[in-house]
Amino acid sequence: MQIIQILRRANGPIAAARIAEELEVSLRTLYRDMVSLESTGVPVRGEAGIGYILEQGFDMPPLMFTASELEAVMLGARMLEGRGDESLARAARDAVAKIAAVVPEHLRSVLIDTPLFVPQYQIPESLSVNTEDIRRSLRMERPVELIYKDLKDDVSNRVIWPVLMTFFDGSTVLAAWCTLRQDFRAFRIDRMIKYHLLDETLPKRRKTLFAEWRKSEHWRYRLTSDG
């Protein structure tokens, strides 16, 4: 199960040595386990000098969580309680409740009583936009008409292509391609005046925009620029 999980989260082929290192086993043991996996019908493909990859279409039985995974789930949910919008916070609570209802009894307390917390950051009450709309634009890959006030209080109207949203301790920031500046920019949510989804799709897939953003200089710095 651990090998399958490692393969599932990998973005491409992963070397046998890396898998063995994470599992703290020898290469010989790993090769033996790979053979066992393949004999049970798990679609693992391995190529010499490249690594192993799990073919698409395979799925494990649901909700096979470890204690550490449950702690991670609860920690993320608690973060959203104070940093996400109400819809996102409610979704986190619902997800935890669903998981708690089906995990084994001995793991339920690990989830519910996890002694891991994060500082609470409350979204300013003066927000002019609904952060649920921002998440919807990211999910649906829609361009947005944005009216924005920068740190100098200058107001501008632009069309942006949303890429990702980041939750910092003191603010929430949206990274996007700005058609006005013809470059990637970061916009603070609390300085947005209007956020209107347009009835069209992005000229580029958000995944492509994210890759281009990562190749730019912007990802190297905290997303605190002001449009």
Foldseek 3Di string as FASTA:
>chain_A
DLLVVVQVPDPDFDALVVSCVVVVHDSVVSVVVVVVCVVVPFQWDADPPGHIHGDPPDDDPPLPDDLVRLLVLLQVLQQCCQFPPPVVNVVSVVVLVVSLVPDDPVSNCSNPVPPDYDDHHHDDPQFQDDVVVVVVCLVQQFKKWWWFQFPVRDTDTWIWGWQDWDTDRHFIKTWTQTPVVRGIAIATRRGTNDIGTDPDHDPDRSVVVNVVCVVDPCVVDPRPGHD
